[in-house]
Amino acid sequence: MRTPWVSVLIPCRDQGRFLDEALASVFAQEGAAMEAIVVNDGSRDETASIIERWCRRLPGRVKGIEGGGEGQALARRRAAREARGEYWITLDADDGLLPNMVAQGLEALAGAPRAVAAVGDVLMTDADGRRVNEILRQRGLVGWPAVLESCPIGAWNGVLLRAEMVRAVGGIGVDGPPGAEDWDLAVRLMRAGMRVVPIRRVVAWYRQHPGSHSRTPLPPLLARLTMLERCRAPDSRLEGIGRDQPVLTDKAYQALRNRMIFFALGVTAVVKVEEAMTVLSFLIAGPRQEACWAAAYAEGFAHALRGGFVRPGVVPPEVREAVVAVFRQRWGWEAKETGAFILRMARAVRWRLFPGPRHFWRRWQAGCATRLLERSRAEIRRKLVNREAAS
């Protein structure tokens, strides 16, 4: 039986200290011929020398490309152009794959020949990559238009893609502001009517730290709004799919846009409060959905905290002032009405962070997952040692 070929696309900028472990996790995979395309995206650390060492160690299986520091989205696209595999995985240099990720993904796709991707859950770790904070449940990828509610592929190193089908919907990477290319791809797949199958296991780990792109307020927001704008009309990248594309109504667009803005405001409250007014300036007229807005704010607040930031007040003064000013100017809200909404935001955050029974259950799961990660790393090291000894 022919061995499938899997290409792993790795953008790397100043993440050389993690790159060895990421590449080790790639070449510990079984069930496929693996190659890694590593784009050195303007690094000023030891990244170039590490790529060169792996190219000598595994000639023909590791390819290094010099990038110009344009960012992860363009680096991934550049890697995809060089990839020879019939399957793709996108992997950030500071993350990794569990040992059976590829075998399990191929098994899931073998049972669904028309599926474009197999999606598994991912361990979300601390900045050191040693302790699991939570398990990202992302294998239940939703359809249209629910795919626009929140990013269904929060860590896409847990996704095995059929390269040919991804090329058919425009490939990896986006034109416009970078920061939502994973979400943009998921949206295109759903608009094209393509099927995604679950891998019913944890398949990778994802490092959370303050430097993560998703923990900055404005760039991801601009990318998401660009993605949402595309959904109001047929996407030119999907012209050849042979079916009518679903489009967003004005009402749905307004509601989704404002929800994304309040999620970004929650991130801003933790990460960069001075940008609160700028974030709220993107609000548009539409249905009043105070409960939805408050929940989105709490979700963004919690998301930023998981990146390792110190917890501030649930609604910092800069955020309160921005809400009061924008709501008065945009909708004529009085002080009492705005105060009630700010109180609702605060309650939503407290409820989201409340350490009830659900919290302790997740902590127990995270402890079990940490032990799984430790065993997986030991297995990766053992497999590589055995392969080098055999060669």
Protein backbone atom coordinates (compact mmCIF):
# COMPACT_ATOMS: atom_id res chain seq x y z
CA MET A 1 0.00 0.00 0.00
CA ARG A 2 1.30 3.46 -0.93
CA THR A 3 2.52 5.55 1.99
CA PRO A 4 0.77 8.94 2.17
CA TRP A 5 2.89 12.10 2.23
CA VAL A 6 2.23 14.78 4.86
CA SER A 7 3.72 18.29 4.72
CA VAL A 8 3.95 20.29 7.95
CA LEU A 9 4.04 24.07 7.40
CA ILE A 10 5.99 25.87 10.14
CA PRO A 11 6.41 29.65 10.30
CA CYS A 12 9.10 30.68 12.79
CA ARG A 13 10.10 34.11 13.98
CA ASP A 14 12.40 34.31 17.01
CA GLN A 15 11.05 30.99 18.31
CA GLY A 16 14.24 29.00 17.78
CA ARG A 17 14.30 27.83 21.40
CA PHE A 18 11.12 25.84 20.71
CA LEU A 19 11.80 24.73 17.13
CA ASP A 20 13.76 21.56 17.98
CA GLU A 21 10.84 20.18 19.96
CA ALA A 22 8.31 21.10 17.25
CA LEU A 23 10.35 19.33 14.56
CA ALA A 24 10.94 16.33 16.82
CA SER A 25 7.17 15.97 17.23
CA VAL A 26 6.78 16.01 13.42
CA PHE A 27 9.29 13.26 12.73
CA ALA A 28 8.03 11.05 15.55
CA GLN A 29 4.81 10.54 13.55
CA GLU A 30 4.00 7.15 12.03
CA GLY A 31 1.79 6.01 9.16
CA ALA A 32 3.02 8.61 6.66
CA ALA A 33 6.12 10.07 5.03
CA MET A 34 6.69 13.39 6.77
CA GLU A 35 8.28 16.58 5.53
CA ALA A 36 8.63 19.94 7.29
CA ILE A 37 8.71 23.28 5.46
CA VAL A 38 10.14 25.85 7.89
CA VAL A 39 9.95 29.54 7.03
CA ASN A 40 12.46 31.66 8.91
CA ASP A 41 10.35 34.80 9.02
CA GLY A 42 13.04 37.40 9.78
CA SER A 43 14.32 35.80 13.00
CA ARG A 44 17.16 37.38 14.96
CA ASP A 45 17.84 34.36 17.16
CA GLU A 46 19.27 30.90 16.46
CA THR A 47 16.40 29.85 14.15
CA ALA A 48 18.52 29.77 10.96
CA SER A 49 21.19 27.51 12.46
CA ILE A 50 18.57 25.12 13.85
CA ILE A 51 16.87 24.84 10.45
CA GLU A 52 20.25 24.20 8.80
CA ARG A 53 21.06 21.47 11.33
CA TRP A 54 17.75 19.69 10.71
CA CYS A 55 18.22 19.96 6.93
CA ARG A 56 21.56 18.14 7.30
CA ARG A 57 20.06 15.63 9.70
CA LEU A 58 17.09 14.78 7.45
CA PRO A 59 18.02 15.80 3.88
CA GLY A 60 15.02 15.99 1.60
CA ARG A 61 12.62 15.88 4.55
CA VAL A 62 13.27 19.33 6.03
CA LYS A 63 13.31 22.42 3.85
CA GLY A 64 14.20 25.88 5.11
CA ILE A 65 12.91 29.04 3.44
CA GLU A 66 14.03 32.58 4.21
CA GLY A 67 11.09 34.92 4.75
CA GLY A 68 11.02 38.66 4.98
CA GLY A 69 9.29 39.12 8.32
CA GLU A 70 5.84 39.58 6.73
CA GLY A 71 4.06 37.60 9.46
CA GLN A 72 2.64 34.13 10.01
CA ALA A 73 -0.11 34.28 7.38
CA LEU A 74 2.23 34.98 4.47
CA ALA A 75 4.85 32.60 5.88
CA ARG A 76 2.31 29.78 5.90
CA ARG A 77 1.28 30.59 2.34
CA ARG A 78 4.92 30.57 1.27
CA ALA A 79 5.44 27.17 2.94
CA ALA A 80 2.31 25.78 1.26
CA ARG A 81 3.67 26.71 -2.18
CA GLU A 82 6.72 24.52 -1.51
CA ALA A 83 4.85 21.59 0.06
CA ARG A 84 4.83 18.27 -1.79
CA GLY A 85 2.44 16.43 0.50
CA GLU A 86 -1.11 15.40 -0.30
CA TYR A 87 -1.97 16.33 3.29
CA TRP A 88 -1.04 19.45 5.23
CA ILE A 89 -0.66 20.36 8.88
CA THR A 90 0.07 23.93 9.96
CA LEU A 91 2.22 24.09 13.08
CA ASP A 92 3.55 27.13 14.91
CA ALA A 93 7.18 26.76 15.95
CA ASP A 94 6.39 26.90 19.66
CA ASP A 95 3.77 24.13 19.55
CA GLY A 96 3.84 20.40 18.80
CA LEU A 97 2.03 17.25 17.66
CA LEU A 98 1.26 14.27 19.87
CA PRO A 99 2.83 11.04 18.55
CA ASN A 100 -0.25 9.54 16.86
CA MET A 101 -1.76 12.72 15.41
CA VAL A 102 -1.12 11.86 11.76
CA ALA A 103 -2.08 8.18 12.02
CA GLN A 104 -5.36 9.07 13.73
CA GLY A 105 -6.11 11.85 11.25
CA LEU A 106 -5.47 9.59 8.26
CA GLU A 107 -7.69 6.93 9.78
CA ALA A 108 -10.52 9.44 10.21
CA LEU A 109 -10.16 10.69 6.62
CA ALA A 110 -9.99 7.15 5.22
CA GLY A 111 -13.52 6.61 6.50
CA ALA A 112 -14.73 9.84 4.85
CA PRO A 113 -13.18 10.13 1.35
CA ARG A 114 -15.04 13.38 0.62
CA ALA A 115 -14.03 15.15 3.84
CA VAL A 116 -11.58 18.02 3.51
CA ALA A 117 -10.14 17.80 7.02
CA ALA A 118 -9.93 15.79 10.22
CA VAL A 119 -10.05 17.89 13.41
CA GLY A 120 -8.92 16.82 16.90
CA ASP A 121 -8.78 18.41 20.33
CA VAL A 122 -5.68 20.25 21.54
CA LEU A 123 -3.92 20.64 24.90
CA MET A 124 -3.56 24.32 25.79
CA THR A 125 -0.43 24.72 27.92
CA ASP A 126 1.24 27.47 29.90
CA ALA A 127 4.08 29.55 28.46
CA ASP A 128 6.67 26.94 29.47
CA GLY A 129 4.71 24.23 27.69
CA ARG A 130 4.87 21.98 30.74
CA ARG A 131 1.49 22.34 32.40
CA VAL A 132 -1.84 21.96 30.63
CA ASN A 133 -4.32 24.71 31.50
CA GLU A 134 -7.28 23.29 29.59
CA ILE A 135 -8.30 21.06 26.70
CA LEU A 136 -9.56 22.92 23.64
CA ARG A 137 -12.60 20.99 22.38
CA GLN A 138 -12.62 21.81 18.69
CA ARG A 139 -13.43 18.54 16.93
CA GLY A 140 -17.12 19.41 16.58
CA LEU A 141 -16.70 21.88 13.73
CA VAL A 142 -20.05 23.56 13.04
CA GLY A 143 -21.65 24.51 9.72
CA TRP A 144 -22.85 27.77 8.20
CA PRO A 145 -23.53 30.35 9.64
CA ALA A 146 -22.66 29.07 13.12
CA VAL A 147 -19.01 28.89 12.00
CA LEU A 148 -19.00 32.71 12.34
CA GLU A 149 -20.01 32.76 16.01
CA SER A 150 -16.49 32.04 17.26
CA CYS A 151 -13.35 30.59 15.73
CA PRO A 152 -13.99 26.83 15.46
CA ILE A 153 -10.31 26.03 14.91
CA GLY A 154 -8.64 27.82 17.77
CA ALA A 155 -5.49 25.71 17.35
CA TRP A 156 -5.10 24.39 13.86
CA ASN A 157 -2.10 22.23 14.56
CA GLY A 158 -4.92 19.84 15.55
CA VAL A 159 -6.17 19.74 11.93
CA LEU A 160 -5.08 17.39 9.12
CA LEU A 161 -6.04 18.93 5.74
CA ARG A 162 -6.37 17.43 2.28
CA ALA A 163 -4.09 19.74 0.29
CA GLU A 164 -5.93 19.48 -3.02
CA MET A 165 -9.27 20.45 -1.50
CA VAL A 166 -7.74 23.36 0.42
CA ARG A 167 -6.19 24.66 -2.79
CA ALA A 168 -9.64 24.46 -4.40
CA VAL A 169 -11.01 27.03 -1.90
CA GLY A 170 -8.11 29.47 -2.19
CA GLY A 171 -5.41 27.85 -0.08
CA ILE A 172 -3.91 28.88 3.25
CA GLY A 173 -3.31 32.52 4.12
CA VAL A 174 -5.47 35.54 3.42
CA ASP A 175 -5.29 38.75 1.45
CA GLY A 176 -5.66 41.64 3.86
CA PRO A 177 -4.85 42.01 7.57
CA PRO A 178 -3.31 38.82 9.04
CA GLY A 179 -4.62 37.29 12.24
CA ALA A 180 -7.66 35.23 11.30
CA GLU A 181 -6.40 32.97 8.53
CA ASP A 182 -7.41 29.82 10.44
CA TRP A 183 -10.94 31.13 10.94
CA ASP A 184 -11.06 32.40 7.36
CA LEU A 185 -10.20 28.91 6.07
CA ALA A 186 -12.88 27.28 8.24
CA VAL A 187 -15.46 29.76 6.90
CA ARG A 188 -14.48 29.08 3.29
CA LEU A 189 -14.76 25.33 3.84
CA MET A 190 -18.25 25.70 5.25
CA ARG A 191 -19.38 28.09 2.49
CA ALA A 192 -18.09 25.59 -0.06
CA GLY A 193 -20.20 22.85 1.54
CA MET A 194 -17.18 20.73 2.44
CA ARG A 195 -17.29 18.15 5.20
CA VAL A 196 -15.01 17.93 8.22
CA VAL A 197 -14.65 14.77 10.35
CA PRO A 198 -13.59 14.53 14.01
CA ILE A 199 -10.53 12.84 15.43
CA ARG A 200 -11.93 11.64 18.72
CA ARG A 201 -8.75 12.23 20.69
CA VAL A 202 -6.35 14.94 21.76
CA VAL A 203 -3.77 15.24 18.98
CA ALA A 204 -1.50 18.24 19.67
CA TRP A 205 -0.42 20.86 22.17
CA TYR A 206 -0.56 24.66 21.88
CA ARG A 207 1.52 27.03 23.99
CA GLN A 208 -0.31 30.05 25.46
CA HIS A 209 1.77 33.09 26.39
CA PRO A 210 1.47 36.88 26.40
CA GLY A 211 3.26 37.14 23.06
CA SER A 212 0.59 35.14 21.21
CA HIS A 213 -0.91 37.06 18.30
CA SER A 214 -4.46 36.34 19.51
CA ARG A 215 -3.67 38.18 22.77
CA THR A 216 -3.37 41.51 20.96
CA PRO A 217 -6.62 43.44 20.53
CA LEU A 218 -6.56 45.33 17.23
CA PRO A 219 -4.79 43.20 14.55
CA PRO A 220 -7.00 40.10 15.08
CA LEU A 221 -10.10 42.31 15.22
CA LEU A 222 -9.28 43.96 11.89
CA ALA A 223 -8.65 40.55 10.33
CA ARG A 224 -11.95 39.18 11.65
CA LEU A 225 -13.92 42.17 10.43
CA THR A 226 -12.35 41.75 6.98
CA MET A 227 -13.33 38.08 7.01
CA LEU A 228 -16.88 38.97 8.05
CA GLU A 229 -17.16 41.61 5.32
CA ARG A 230 -16.31 38.96 2.72
CA CYS A 231 -19.27 36.88 3.88
CA ARG A 232 -21.77 39.53 2.74
CA ALA A 233 -21.21 38.57 -0.89
CA PRO A 234 -19.91 35.57 -2.86
CA ASP A 235 -16.20 35.02 -2.23
CA SER A 236 -14.13 35.17 -5.44
CA ARG A 237 -11.83 32.48 -4.02
CA LEU A 238 -14.72 30.00 -4.18
CA GLU A 239 -15.82 30.65 -7.76
CA GLY A 240 -14.96 27.17 -8.97
CA ILE A 241 -16.78 25.14 -6.32
CA GLY A 242 -19.93 24.65 -8.42
CA ARG A 243 -22.53 25.66 -5.82
CA ASP A 244 -24.24 28.79 -4.58
CA GLN A 245 -22.44 30.36 -1.65
CA PRO A 246 -24.48 31.34 1.40
CA VAL A 247 -24.19 35.03 2.30
CA LEU A 248 -24.86 37.00 5.48
CA THR A 249 -27.93 39.17 5.81
CA ASP A 250 -27.42 42.74 6.97
CA LYS A 251 -28.96 41.95 10.35
CA ALA A 252 -26.71 38.92 10.92
CA TYR A 253 -23.66 40.90 9.81
CA GLN A 254 -24.42 43.72 12.26
CA ALA A 255 -24.94 41.34 15.17
CA LEU A 256 -21.80 39.28 14.46
CA ARG A 257 -19.64 42.36 13.90
CA ASN A 258 -20.61 43.99 17.19
CA ARG A 259 -20.12 40.70 19.03
CA MET A 260 -16.56 40.45 17.66
CA ILE A 261 -15.91 44.01 18.79
CA PHE A 262 -16.98 43.27 22.35
CA PHE A 263 -14.79 40.14 22.39
CA ALA A 264 -11.86 42.37 21.35
CA LEU A 265 -12.85 44.86 24.07
CA GLY A 266 -12.56 42.06 26.64
CA VAL A 267 -9.05 41.29 25.41
CA THR A 268 -8.25 45.01 25.50
CA ALA A 269 -9.38 45.26 29.13
CA VAL A 270 -6.65 42.79 30.13
CA VAL A 271 -3.91 43.50 27.61
CA LYS A 272 -3.99 47.12 26.41
CA VAL A 273 -6.70 49.27 28.00
CA GLU A 274 -5.54 52.40 26.16
CA GLU A 275 -6.98 50.91 22.94
CA ALA A 276 -10.54 50.60 24.34
CA MET A 277 -11.83 53.70 22.54
CA THR A 278 -10.29 52.58 19.23
CA VAL A 279 -11.88 49.13 19.51
CA LEU A 280 -15.33 50.56 20.25
CA SER A 281 -15.05 52.98 17.34
CA PHE A 282 -15.78 50.01 15.02
CA LEU A 283 -19.30 49.54 16.45
CA ILE A 284 -22.09 49.95 13.91
CA ALA A 285 -25.83 50.43 14.07
CA GLY A 286 -27.76 47.24 14.60
CA PRO A 287 -29.93 45.31 17.05
CA ARG A 288 -29.32 45.97 20.73
CA GLN A 289 -28.03 42.74 22.25
CA GLU A 290 -26.71 43.71 25.65
CA ALA A 291 -26.66 40.14 26.99
CA CYS A 292 -24.75 38.91 23.93
CA TRP A 293 -22.31 41.84 24.10
CA ALA A 294 -21.62 41.29 27.80
CA ALA A 295 -21.05 37.56 27.23
CA ALA A 296 -18.63 38.31 24.35
CA TYR A 297 -16.75 40.78 26.56
CA ALA A 298 -16.42 38.12 29.28
CA GLU A 299 -15.23 35.57 26.72
CA GLY A 300 -12.51 37.92 25.45
CA PHE A 301 -11.49 38.81 29.01
CA ALA A 302 -11.10 35.12 29.93
CA HIS A 303 -9.25 34.41 26.67
CA ALA A 304 -6.66 37.09 27.44
CA LEU A 305 -6.16 35.81 30.99
CA ARG A 306 -5.38 32.32 29.67
CA GLY A 307 -2.41 33.89 27.89
CA GLY A 308 -0.71 34.51 31.23
CA PHE A 309 -1.60 38.15 31.87
CA VAL A 310 -2.24 39.52 35.36
CA ARG A 311 -5.94 39.92 36.08
CA PRO A 312 -7.09 43.57 36.26
CA GLY A 313 -10.44 44.88 37.44
CA VAL A 314 -13.26 43.23 35.50
CA VAL A 315 -14.17 46.54 33.82
CA PRO A 316 -11.17 48.90 34.08
CA PRO A 317 -11.81 52.68 34.25
CA GLU A 318 -10.54 53.20 30.68
CA VAL A 319 -13.07 50.67 29.38
CA ARG A 320 -15.92 52.25 31.37
CA GLU A 321 -15.06 55.69 30.04
CA ALA A 322 -14.91 54.42 26.46
CA VAL A 323 -18.28 52.64 26.77
CA VAL A 324 -19.94 55.74 28.24
CA ALA A 325 -18.52 58.07 25.57
CA VAL A 326 -19.22 55.85 22.55
CA PHE A 327 -22.69 54.77 23.64
CA ARG A 328 -23.72 58.35 24.36
CA GLN A 329 -22.42 59.56 21.01
CA ARG A 330 -23.61 56.60 18.92
CA TRP A 331 -26.98 55.77 20.47
CA GLY A 332 -27.74 58.54 22.95
CA TRP A 333 -27.63 56.29 26.01
CA GLU A 334 -28.06 58.09 29.32
CA ALA A 335 -25.72 57.56 32.28
CA LYS A 336 -28.18 55.24 34.09
CA GLU A 337 -28.66 53.04 31.03
CA THR A 338 -24.92 52.80 30.34
CA GLY A 339 -24.18 52.11 34.00
CA ALA A 340 -26.60 49.18 33.97
CA PHE A 341 -24.85 47.73 30.93
CA ILE A 342 -21.38 48.10 32.50
CA LEU A 343 -22.69 46.29 35.57
CA ARG A 344 -23.93 43.53 33.25
CA MET A 345 -20.45 43.27 31.72
CA ALA A 346 -18.89 42.95 35.18
CA ARG A 347 -21.35 40.24 36.21
CA ALA A 348 -20.69 38.31 32.99
CA VAL A 349 -16.94 38.30 33.69
CA ARG A 350 -17.40 37.21 37.30
CA TRP A 351 -19.72 34.43 36.23
CA ARG A 352 -17.28 33.32 33.54
CA LEU A 353 -14.40 33.18 36.03
CA PHE A 354 -16.41 31.76 38.96
CA PRO A 355 -14.57 28.68 40.27
CA GLY A 356 -17.58 26.41 40.82
CA PRO A 357 -17.76 22.62 40.35
CA ARG A 358 -17.09 23.04 36.64
CA HIS A 359 -13.76 24.72 37.48
CA PHE A 360 -12.56 21.86 39.69
CA TRP A 361 -13.63 19.28 37.11
CA ARG A 362 -11.56 21.09 34.48
CA ARG A 363 -8.58 21.30 36.84
CA TRP A 364 -8.72 17.52 37.31
CA GLN A 365 -8.90 17.05 33.53
CA ALA A 366 -5.96 19.43 33.08
CA GLY A 367 -3.91 17.41 35.57
CA CYS A 368 -4.59 14.19 33.65
CA ALA A 369 -3.77 15.97 30.38
CA THR A 370 -0.45 17.22 31.81
CA ARG A 371 0.57 13.64 32.53
CA LEU A 372 -0.48 12.67 29.00
CA LEU A 373 1.73 15.43 27.60
CA GLU A 374 4.69 14.25 29.67
CA ARG A 375 4.27 10.67 28.42
CA SER A 376 3.92 11.89 24.84
CA ARG A 377 7.13 13.89 25.02
CA ALA A 378 8.96 10.87 26.39
CA GLU A 379 7.59 8.76 23.53
CA ILE A 380 8.70 11.35 20.96
CA ARG A 381 12.24 11.30 22.35
CA ARG A 382 12.30 7.49 22.39
CA LYS A 383 11.10 7.21 18.79
CA LEU A 384 13.71 9.63 17.52
CA VAL A 385 16.52 7.87 19.37
CA ASN A 386 15.40 4.50 17.98
CA ARG A 387 15.21 5.85 14.41
CA GLU A 388 18.65 7.42 14.60
CA ALA A 389 20.07 4.18 16.00
CA ALA A 390 18.44 2.19 13.18
CA SER A 391 19.87 4.50 10.53
